[in-house]
All heavy atoms as atom14 arrays in JSON, in Angstrom:
{
  "sequence": "REQTLFRATAFGDDIDRPLLKSDGSYTYFAADIAYHRSKFLRG",
  "atom14_mask": [
    [1, 1, 1, 1, 1, 1, 1, 1, 1, 1, 1, 0, 0, 0],
    [1, 1, 1, 1, 1, 1, 1, 1, 1, 0, 0, 0, 0, 0],
    [1, 1, 1, 1, 1, 1, 1, 1, 1, 0, 0, 0, 0, 0],
    [1, 1, 1, 1, 1, 1, 1, 0, 0, 0, 0, 0, 0, 0],
    [1, 1, 1, 1, 1, 1, 1, 1, 0, 0, 0, 0, 0, 0],
    [1, 1, 1, 1, 1, 1, 1, 1, 1, 1, 1, 0, 0, 0],
    [1, 1, 1, 1, 1, 1, 1, 1, 1, 1, 1, 0, 0, 0],
    [1, 1, 1, 1, 1, 0, 0, 0, 0, 0, 0, 0, 0, 0],
    [1, 1, 1, 1, 1, 1, 1, 0, 0, 0, 0, 0, 0, 0],
    [1, 1, 1, 1, 1, 0, 0, 0, 0, 0, 0, 0, 0, 0],
    [1, 1, 1, 1, 1, 1, 1, 1, 1, 1, 1, 0, 0, 0],
    [1, 1, 1, 1, 0, 0, 0, 0, 0, 0, 0, 0, 0, 0],
    [1, 1, 1, 1, 1, 1, 1, 1, 0, 0, 0, 0, 0, 0],
    [1, 1, 1, 1, 1, 1, 1, 1, 0, 0, 0, 0, 0, 0],
    [1, 1, 1, 1, 1, 1, 1, 1, 0, 0, 0, 0, 0, 0],
    [1, 1, 1, 1, 1, 1, 1, 1, 0, 0, 0, 0, 0, 0],
    [1, 1, 1, 1, 1, 1, 1, 1, 1, 1, 1, 0, 0, 0],
    [1, 1, 1, 1, 1, 1, 1, 0, 0, 0, 0, 0, 0, 0],
    [1, 1, 1, 1, 1, 1, 1, 1, 0, 0, 0, 0, 0, 0],
    [1, 1, 1, 1, 1, 1, 1, 1, 0, 0, 0, 0, 0, 0],
    [1, 1, 1, 1, 1, 1, 1, 1, 1, 0, 0, 0, 0, 0],
    [1, 1, 1, 1, 1, 1, 0, 0, 0, 0, 0, 0, 0, 0],
    [1, 1, 1, 1, 1, 1, 1, 1, 0, 0, 0, 0, 0, 0],
    [1, 1, 1, 1, 0, 0, 0, 0, 0, 0, 0, 0, 0, 0],
    [1, 1, 1, 1, 1, 1, 0, 0, 0, 0, 0, 0, 0, 0],
    [1, 1, 1, 1, 1, 1, 1, 1, 1, 1, 1, 1, 0, 0],
    [1, 1, 1, 1, 1, 1, 1, 0, 0, 0, 0, 0, 0, 0],
    [1, 1, 1, 1, 1, 1, 1, 1, 1, 1, 1, 1, 0, 0],
    [1, 1, 1, 1, 1, 1, 1, 1, 1, 1, 1, 0, 0, 0],
    [1, 1, 1, 1, 1, 0, 0, 0, 0, 0, 0, 0, 0, 0],
    [1, 1, 1, 1, 1, 0, 0, 0, 0, 0, 0, 0, 0, 0],
    [1, 1, 1, 1, 1, 1, 1, 1, 0, 0, 0, 0, 0, 0],
    [1, 1, 1, 1, 1, 1, 1, 1, 0, 0, 0, 0, 0, 0],
    [1, 1, 1, 1, 1, 0, 0, 0, 0, 0, 0, 0, 0, 0],
    [1, 1, 1, 1, 1, 1, 1, 1, 1, 1, 1, 1, 0, 0],
    [1, 1, 1, 1, 1, 1, 1, 1, 1, 1, 0, 0, 0, 0],
    [1, 1, 1, 1, 1, 1, 1, 1, 1, 1, 1, 0, 0, 0],
    [1, 1, 1, 1, 1, 1, 0, 0, 0, 0, 0, 0, 0, 0],
    [1, 1, 1, 1, 1, 1, 1, 1, 1, 0, 0, 0, 0, 0],
    [1, 1, 1, 1, 1, 1, 1, 1, 1, 1, 1, 0, 0, 0],
    [1, 1, 1, 1, 1, 1, 1, 1, 0, 0, 0, 0, 0, 0],
    [1, 1, 1, 1, 1, 1, 1, 1, 1, 1, 1, 0, 0, 0],
    [1, 1, 1, 1, 0, 0, 0, 0, 0, 0, 0, 0, 0, 0]
  ],
  "atom14_positions": [
    [[16.69, -1.14, 1.42], [16.58, -1.72, 2.81], [15.38, -2.82, 2.84], [14.52, -2.7, 1.91], [16.21, -0.64, 3.99], [14.9, 0.01, 3.72], [14.58, 1.1, 4.84], [13.35, 1.77, 4.58], [12.2, 1.25, 5.03], [12.09, 0.11, 5.68], [11.01, 1.93, 4.75], [0.0, 0.0, 0.0], [0.0, 0.0, 0.0], [0.0, 0.0, 0.0]],
    [[15.34, -3.68, 3.74], [14.25, -4.53, 3.83], [13.06, -3.75, 4.42], [13.21, -3.09, 5.34], [14.46, -5.62, 4.74], [13.44, -6.73, 4.93], [13.81, -8.05, 5.73], [14.36, -8.89, 4.98], [13.51, -8.0, 6.81], [0.0, 0.0, 0.0], [0.0, 0.0, 0.0], [0.0, 0.0, 0.0], [0.0, 0.0, 0.0], [0.0, 0.0, 0.0]],
    [[11.92, -4.07, 3.67], [10.73, -3.25, 4.19], [9.51, -3.99, 3.83], [9.45, -5.02, 3.33], [10.7, -1.88, 3.44], [10.81, -1.98, 1.94], [11.07, -0.59, 1.28], [10.43, 0.34, 1.63], [12.02, -0.55, 0.35], [0.0, 0.0, 0.0], [0.0, 0.0, 0.0], [0.0, 0.0, 0.0], [0.0, 0.0, 0.0], [0.0, 0.0, 0.0]],
    [[8.39, -3.34, 4.35], [7.04, -4.02, 4.26], [6.4, -3.7, 2.82], [6.26, -2.44, 2.56], [6.06, -3.57, 5.37], [6.61, -3.87, 6.54], [4.67, -4.25, 5.14], [0.0, 0.0, 0.0], [0.0, 0.0, 0.0], [0.0, 0.0, 0.0], [0.0, 0.0, 0.0], [0.0, 0.0, 0.0], [0.0, 0.0, 0.0], [0.0, 0.0, 0.0]],
    [[6.14, -4.62, 2.09], [5.82, -4.4, 0.68], [4.52, -5.13, 0.34], [4.04, -6.18, 0.75], [6.93, -5.0, -0.24], [8.28, -4.41, -0.08], [9.32, -5.28, -1.03], [8.42, -3.05, -0.45], [0.0, 0.0, 0.0], [0.0, 0.0, 0.0], [0.0, 0.0, 0.0], [0.0, 0.0, 0.0], [0.0, 0.0, 0.0], [0.0, 0.0, 0.0]],
    [[3.63, -4.35, -0.5], [2.48, -4.96, -1.09], [2.7, -5.52, -2.43], [3.55, -5.02, -3.16], [1.49, -3.8, -1.24], [0.28, -4.08, -2.18], [-0.63, -5.12, -1.87], [0.09, -3.37, -3.27], [-1.66, -5.42, -2.82], [-0.93, -3.48, -4.17], [-1.72, -4.63, -3.93], [0.0, 0.0, 0.0], [0.0, 0.0, 0.0], [0.0, 0.0, 0.0]],
    [[2.19, -6.69, -2.69], [2.43, -7.46, -3.83], [1.7, -6.85, -5.04], [0.69, -7.38, -5.72], [2.18, -9.02, -3.75], [2.9, -9.68, -2.73], [2.63, -11.23, -2.79], [3.16, -11.97, -1.66], [4.5, -12.35, -1.57], [5.29, -12.09, -2.57], [4.88, -12.96, -0.61], [0.0, 0.0, 0.0], [0.0, 0.0, 0.0], [0.0, 0.0, 0.0]],
    [[2.11, -5.68, -5.38], [1.35, -4.91, -6.44], [1.5, -5.61, -7.78], [0.64, -5.6, -8.7], [1.82, -3.49, -6.54], [0.0, 0.0, 0.0], [0.0, 0.0, 0.0], [0.0, 0.0, 0.0], [0.0, 0.0, 0.0], [0.0, 0.0, 0.0], [0.0, 0.0, 0.0], [0.0, 0.0, 0.0], [0.0, 0.0, 0.0], [0.0, 0.0, 0.0]],
    [[2.66, -6.35, -8.06], [2.94, -6.87, -9.34], [1.87, -8.08, -9.52], [1.7, -8.46, -10.71], [4.47, -7.36, -9.44], [4.67, -8.25, -8.08], [5.45, -6.31, -9.43], [0.0, 0.0, 0.0], [0.0, 0.0, 0.0], [0.0, 0.0, 0.0], [0.0, 0.0, 0.0], [0.0, 0.0, 0.0], [0.0, 0.0, 0.0], [0.0, 0.0, 0.0]],
    [[1.35, -8.57, -8.5], [0.37, -9.61, -8.74], [-0.94, -9.13, -9.44], [-1.73, -9.91, -9.83], [0.02, -10.36, -7.43], [0.0, 0.0, 0.0], [0.0, 0.0, 0.0], [0.0, 0.0, 0.0], [0.0, 0.0, 0.0], [0.0, 0.0, 0.0], [0.0, 0.0, 0.0], [0.0, 0.0, 0.0], [0.0, 0.0, 0.0], [0.0, 0.0, 0.0]],
    [[-0.98, -7.8, -9.39], [-2.31, -7.13, -9.95], [-1.95, -6.19, -11.01], [-2.74, -5.27, -11.31], [-3.02, -6.51, -8.76], [-3.39, -7.42, -7.67], [-2.55, -7.59, -6.56], [-4.56, -8.19, -7.76], [-2.95, -8.55, -5.57], [-4.92, -8.93, -6.78], [-4.1, -9.26, -5.64], [0.0, 0.0, 0.0], [0.0, 0.0, 0.0], [0.0, 0.0, 0.0]],
    [[-0.85, -6.43, -11.66], [-0.63, -5.73, -12.94], [0.31, -4.44, -12.87], [0.69, -3.81, -13.8], [0.0, 0.0, 0.0], [0.0, 0.0, 0.0], [0.0, 0.0, 0.0], [0.0, 0.0, 0.0], [0.0, 0.0, 0.0], [0.0, 0.0, 0.0], [0.0, 0.0, 0.0], [0.0, 0.0, 0.0], [0.0, 0.0, 0.0], [0.0, 0.0, 0.0]],
    [[0.88, -4.13, -11.63], [1.82, -3.06, -11.39], [3.21, -3.52, -11.86], [3.5, -4.62, -11.95], [1.8, -2.71, -9.9], [2.33, -1.19, -9.76], [2.78, -0.62, -10.78], [2.55, -0.69, -8.59], [0.0, 0.0, 0.0], [0.0, 0.0, 0.0], [0.0, 0.0, 0.0], [0.0, 0.0, 0.0], [0.0, 0.0, 0.0], [0.0, 0.0, 0.0]],
    [[4.09, -2.48, -11.88], [5.46, -2.76, -12.45], [6.34, -3.34, -11.28], [7.23, -4.12, -11.56], [6.07, -1.55, -13.06], [5.34, -1.01, -14.28], [4.76, -1.86, -14.94], [5.16, 0.25, -14.37], [0.0, 0.0, 0.0], [0.0, 0.0, 0.0], [0.0, 0.0, 0.0], [0.0, 0.0, 0.0], [0.0, 0.0, 0.0], [0.0, 0.0, 0.0]],
    [[6.22, -2.79, -10.1], [7.05, -3.2, -8.96], [6.15, -3.37, -7.78], [4.95, -2.84, -7.65], [8.11, -2.34, -8.55], [7.63, -0.92, -8.29], [9.25, -2.22, -9.85], [8.71, 0.09, -7.77], [0.0, 0.0, 0.0], [0.0, 0.0, 0.0], [0.0, 0.0, 0.0], [0.0, 0.0, 0.0], [0.0, 0.0, 0.0], [0.0, 0.0, 0.0]],
    [[6.57, -4.15, -6.71], [5.81, -4.17, -5.53], [6.04, -2.75, -4.74], [7.13, -2.16, -5.05], [6.25, -5.32, -4.58], [5.96, -6.68, -5.2], [4.94, -6.65, -5.99], [6.46, -7.62, -4.85], [0.0, 0.0, 0.0], [0.0, 0.0, 0.0], [0.0, 0.0, 0.0], [0.0, 0.0, 0.0], [0.0, 0.0, 0.0], [0.0, 0.0, 0.0]],
    [[5.21, -2.32, -3.87], [5.14, -1.06, -3.3], [5.17, -0.98, -1.83], [4.62, -1.83, -1.01], [3.8, -0.39, -3.72], [3.55, -0.25, -5.16], [4.59, 0.76, -5.9], [4.32, 0.77, -7.4], [5.11, 1.53, -8.11], [6.05, 2.36, -7.72], [4.85, 1.65, -9.4], [0.0, 0.0, 0.0], [0.0, 0.0, 0.0], [0.0, 0.0, 0.0]],
    [[6.13, -0.2, -1.25], [6.3, -0.03, 0.19], [4.96, 0.4, 0.86], [4.21, 1.43, 0.3], [7.42, 0.94, 0.38], [8.05, 1.0, -1.04], [7.0, 0.76, -2.09], [0.0, 0.0, 0.0], [0.0, 0.0, 0.0], [0.0, 0.0, 0.0], [0.0, 0.0, 0.0], [0.0, 0.0, 0.0], [0.0, 0.0, 0.0], [0.0, 0.0, 0.0]],
    [[4.72, 0.0, 2.04], [3.53, 0.41, 2.87], [4.08, 1.22, 4.17], [3.23, 1.88, 4.77], [2.77, -0.72, 3.33], [2.32, -1.64, 2.13], [1.45, -2.85, 2.6], [1.18, -0.78, 1.38], [0.0, 0.0, 0.0], [0.0, 0.0, 0.0], [0.0, 0.0, 0.0], [0.0, 0.0, 0.0], [0.0, 0.0, 0.0], [0.0, 0.0, 0.0]],
    [[5.24, 1.05, 4.58], [5.81, 1.67, 5.74], [7.21, 2.3, 5.38], [7.99, 1.84, 4.7], [6.13, 0.73, 6.88], [4.92, -0.14, 7.43], [5.3, -1.06, 8.44], [3.89, 0.88, 8.0], [0.0, 0.0, 0.0], [0.0, 0.0, 0.0], [0.0, 0.0, 0.0], [0.0, 0.0, 0.0], [0.0, 0.0, 0.0], [0.0, 0.0, 0.0]],
    [[7.4, 3.62, 5.89], [8.6, 4.28, 5.78], [9.58, 3.82, 6.84], [9.29, 3.02, 7.66], [8.31, 5.89, 5.98], [7.27, 6.4, 5.15], [7.16, 8.02, 5.47], [6.01, 8.58, 4.56], [5.65, 9.91, 5.02], [0.0, 0.0, 0.0], [0.0, 0.0, 0.0], [0.0, 0.0, 0.0], [0.0, 0.0, 0.0], [0.0, 0.0, 0.0]],
    [[10.89, 4.26, 6.65], [11.94, 3.68, 7.56], [11.66, 4.16, 8.89], [12.16, 3.36, 9.81], [13.2, 4.33, 6.99], [13.19, 5.81, 6.96], [0.0, 0.0, 0.0], [0.0, 0.0, 0.0], [0.0, 0.0, 0.0], [0.0, 0.0, 0.0], [0.0, 0.0, 0.0], [0.0, 0.0, 0.0], [0.0, 0.0, 0.0], [0.0, 0.0, 0.0]],
    [[10.96, 5.28, 9.18], [10.71, 5.52, 10.6], [9.41, 4.78, 11.11], [8.97, 5.08, 12.36], [10.41, 7.09, 10.78], [9.17, 7.54, 9.88], [8.52, 6.76, 9.28], [8.98, 8.79, 9.94], [0.0, 0.0, 0.0], [0.0, 0.0, 0.0], [0.0, 0.0, 0.0], [0.0, 0.0, 0.0], [0.0, 0.0, 0.0], [0.0, 0.0, 0.0]],
    [[8.85, 3.86, 10.41], [7.71, 3.15, 10.79], [6.27, 3.69, 10.53], [5.33, 3.08, 10.69], [0.0, 0.0, 0.0], [0.0, 0.0, 0.0], [0.0, 0.0, 0.0], [0.0, 0.0, 0.0], [0.0, 0.0, 0.0], [0.0, 0.0, 0.0], [0.0, 0.0, 0.0], [0.0, 0.0, 0.0], [0.0, 0.0, 0.0], [0.0, 0.0, 0.0]],
    [[6.29, 4.89, 9.99], [5.0, 5.56, 9.62], [4.63, 5.05, 8.29], [5.29, 4.54, 7.55], [5.2, 7.1, 9.61], [6.17, 7.58, 8.61], [0.0, 0.0, 0.0], [0.0, 0.0, 0.0], [0.0, 0.0, 0.0], [0.0, 0.0, 0.0], [0.0, 0.0, 0.0], [0.0, 0.0, 0.0], [0.0, 0.0, 0.0], [0.0, 0.0, 0.0]],
    [[3.28, 5.31, 7.96], [2.69, 4.79, 6.88], [3.08, 5.62, 5.61], [3.27, 6.7, 5.68], [1.22, 4.68, 6.86], [0.58, 3.87, 7.97], [-0.32, 4.46, 8.91], [0.82, 2.61, 8.12], [-0.81, 3.71, 10.01], [0.36, 1.78, 9.2], [-0.6, 2.39, 10.04], [-1.11, 1.56, 11.08], [0.0, 0.0, 0.0], [0.0, 0.0, 0.0]],
    [[3.28, 4.9, 4.49], [3.52, 5.63, 3.24], [2.14, 6.33, 2.74], [1.06, 5.76, 3.23], [3.98, 4.71, 2.19], [3.01, 3.68, 1.8], [5.34, 4.2, 2.37], [0.0, 0.0, 0.0], [0.0, 0.0, 0.0], [0.0, 0.0, 0.0], [0.0, 0.0, 0.0], [0.0, 0.0, 0.0], [0.0, 0.0, 0.0], [0.0, 0.0, 0.0]],
    [[2.26, 7.22, 1.96], [0.84, 7.74, 1.31], [0.06, 6.62, 0.62], [-1.07, 6.57, 0.67], [1.21, 8.91, 0.34], [1.65, 10.15, 0.91], [2.83, 10.71, 0.78], [0.72, 10.88, 1.7], [3.32, 11.83, 1.27], [1.09, 12.12, 2.32], [2.38, 12.5, 2.09], [2.79, 13.78, 2.61], [0.0, 0.0, 0.0], [0.0, 0.0, 0.0]],
    [[0.9, 5.72, -0.01], [0.16, 4.67, -0.65], [-0.57, 3.77, 0.19], [-1.67, 3.32, -0.05], [1.18, 3.84, -1.54], [0.67, 2.7, -2.3], [-0.47, 2.91, -3.12], [1.11, 1.44, -2.11], [-0.89, 1.92, -3.92], [0.49, 0.32, -2.93], [-0.55, 0.6, -3.72], [0.0, 0.0, 0.0], [0.0, 0.0, 0.0], [0.0, 0.0, 0.0]],
    [[-0.09, 3.49, 1.43], [-0.8, 2.71, 2.4], [-2.19, 3.29, 2.75], [-3.17, 2.73, 2.87], [0.1, 2.41, 3.58], [0.0, 0.0, 0.0], [0.0, 0.0, 0.0], [0.0, 0.0, 0.0], [0.0, 0.0, 0.0], [0.0, 0.0, 0.0], [0.0, 0.0, 0.0], [0.0, 0.0, 0.0], [0.0, 0.0, 0.0], [0.0, 0.0, 0.0]],
    [[-2.13, 4.56, 3.05], [-3.34, 5.41, 3.33], [-4.24, 5.35, 2.14], [-5.52, 5.22, 2.36], [-2.96, 6.82, 3.83], [0.0, 0.0, 0.0], [0.0, 0.0, 0.0], [0.0, 0.0, 0.0], [0.0, 0.0, 0.0], [0.0, 0.0, 0.0], [0.0, 0.0, 0.0], [0.0, 0.0, 0.0], [0.0, 0.0, 0.0], [0.0, 0.0, 0.0]],
    [[-3.75, 5.45, 0.92], [-4.6, 5.4, -0.21], [-5.25, 4.08, -0.46], [-6.42, 4.05, -0.81], [-3.91, 5.8, -1.48], [-3.6, 7.32, -1.5], [-4.25, 8.03, -0.81], [-2.52, 7.79, -2.32], [0.0, 0.0, 0.0], [0.0, 0.0, 0.0], [0.0, 0.0, 0.0], [0.0, 0.0, 0.0], [0.0, 0.0, 0.0], [0.0, 0.0, 0.0]],
    [[-4.6, 2.97, -0.09], [-5.28, 1.65, -0.19], [-6.42, 1.68, 0.7], [-7.51, 1.2, 0.41], [-4.2, 0.49, 0.13], [-3.11, 0.59, -0.96], [-4.94, -0.73, -0.02], [-2.06, -0.46, -0.61], [0.0, 0.0, 0.0], [0.0, 0.0, 0.0], [0.0, 0.0, 0.0], [0.0, 0.0, 0.0], [0.0, 0.0, 0.0], [0.0, 0.0, 0.0]],
    [[-6.08, 2.08, 2.05], [-7.12, 1.97, 3.04], [-8.31, 2.82, 2.68], [-9.5, 2.49, 2.94], [-6.57, 2.31, 4.43], [0.0, 0.0, 0.0], [0.0, 0.0, 0.0], [0.0, 0.0, 0.0], [0.0, 0.0, 0.0], [0.0, 0.0, 0.0], [0.0, 0.0, 0.0], [0.0, 0.0, 0.0], [0.0, 0.0, 0.0], [0.0, 0.0, 0.0]],
    [[-7.93, 3.97, 2.03], [-9.15, 4.93, 1.57], [-10.0, 4.29, 0.65], [-11.3, 4.28, 0.72], [-8.51, 6.27, 1.23], [-9.53, 7.15, 0.63], [-10.79, 7.46, 1.24], [-9.23, 7.75, -0.63], [-11.58, 8.44, 0.77], [-10.23, 8.71, -1.22], [-11.31, 8.94, -0.45], [-12.27, 9.92, -1.06], [0.0, 0.0, 0.0], [0.0, 0.0, 0.0]],
    [[-9.44, 3.65, -0.38], [-10.28, 2.99, -1.4], [-10.94, 1.79, -0.88], [-12.07, 1.4, -1.28], [-9.5, 2.71, -2.65], [-9.1, 3.97, -3.49], [-8.24, 4.83, -3.05], [-9.69, 4.46, -4.55], [-8.04, 5.85, -3.98], [-8.99, 5.61, -4.85], [0.0, 0.0, 0.0], [0.0, 0.0, 0.0], [0.0, 0.0, 0.0], [0.0, 0.0, 0.0]],
    [[-10.36, 0.96, 0.16], [-10.99, 0.04, 0.71], [-12.26, 0.56, 1.51], [-13.4, -0.11, 1.46], [-10.09, -0.66, 1.74], [-10.95, -1.77, 2.61], [-9.61, -2.41, 3.52], [-10.25, -3.44, 4.45], [-10.36, -3.03, 5.79], [-10.36, -1.78, 6.13], [-10.94, -4.03, 6.48], [0.0, 0.0, 0.0], [0.0, 0.0, 0.0], [0.0, 0.0, 0.0]],
    [[-12.05, 1.69, 2.08], [-13.18, 2.31, 2.84], [-14.32, 2.68, 1.83], [-15.55, 2.4, 2.09], [-12.85, 3.6, 3.57], [-13.92, 4.43, 3.83], [0.0, 0.0, 0.0], [0.0, 0.0, 0.0], [0.0, 0.0, 0.0], [0.0, 0.0, 0.0], [0.0, 0.0, 0.0], [0.0, 0.0, 0.0], [0.0, 0.0, 0.0], [0.0, 0.0, 0.0]],
    [[-13.99, 3.15, 0.66], [-15.18, 3.43, -0.27], [-15.83, 2.12, -0.56], [-17.07, 2.08, -0.79], [-14.57, 3.96, -1.63], [-13.86, 5.38, -1.53], [-13.36, 5.85, -2.93], [-12.65, 7.13, -2.85], [-12.26, 7.55, -4.23], [0.0, 0.0, 0.0], [0.0, 0.0, 0.0], [0.0, 0.0, 0.0], [0.0, 0.0, 0.0], [0.0, 0.0, 0.0]],
    [[-15.26, 1.0, -0.81], [-15.73, -0.24, -1.21], [-16.74, -0.76, -0.08], [-17.76, -1.2, -0.21], [-14.78, -1.32, -1.51], [-15.32, -2.62, -1.95], [-15.98, -2.8, -3.03], [-15.18, -3.73, -1.11], [-16.6, -3.98, -3.47], [-15.58, -4.94, -1.53], [-16.32, -5.13, -2.67], [0.0, 0.0, 0.0], [0.0, 0.0, 0.0], [0.0, 0.0, 0.0]],
    [[-16.23, -0.59, 1.2], [-17.07, -1.06, 2.32], [-18.12, -0.15, 2.57], [-19.15, -0.65, 3.08], [-16.03, -1.11, 3.65], [-14.94, -2.06, 3.53], [-14.11, -1.93, 4.93], [-15.47, -3.49, 3.48], [0.0, 0.0, 0.0], [0.0, 0.0, 0.0], [0.0, 0.0, 0.0], [0.0, 0.0, 0.0], [0.0, 0.0, 0.0], [0.0, 0.0, 0.0]],
    [[-18.18, 1.03, 2.04], [-19.29, 2.0, 2.1], [-20.32, 1.64, 1.03], [-21.28, 2.4, 0.92], [-18.87, 3.39, 2.21], [-18.23, 3.92, 3.38], [-17.91, 5.34, 3.38], [-16.65, 5.69, 2.79], [-16.28, 6.62, 1.94], [-17.31, 7.55, 1.57], [-15.12, 6.79, 1.49], [0.0, 0.0, 0.0], [0.0, 0.0, 0.0], [0.0, 0.0, 0.0]],
    [[-20.0, 0.86, 0.17], [-21.12, 0.25, -0.77], [-20.84, 0.81, -2.11], [-21.79, 0.91, -2.94], [0.0, 0.0, 0.0], [0.0, 0.0, 0.0], [0.0, 0.0, 0.0], [0.0, 0.0, 0.0], [0.0, 0.0, 0.0], [0.0, 0.0, 0.0], [0.0, 0.0, 0.0], [0.0, 0.0, 0.0], [0.0, 0.0, 0.0], [0.0, 0.0, 0.0]]
  ]
}
């Protein structure tokens, strides 16, 4: 299906990765990206 994707291949991944499930909720990966962004913002 058409979905919201992160351009992971631009940074060395094999495929681009979904950020939203079919019901509109976040994928685990979307939360993990935000979590690691939080680490970076915390210094």
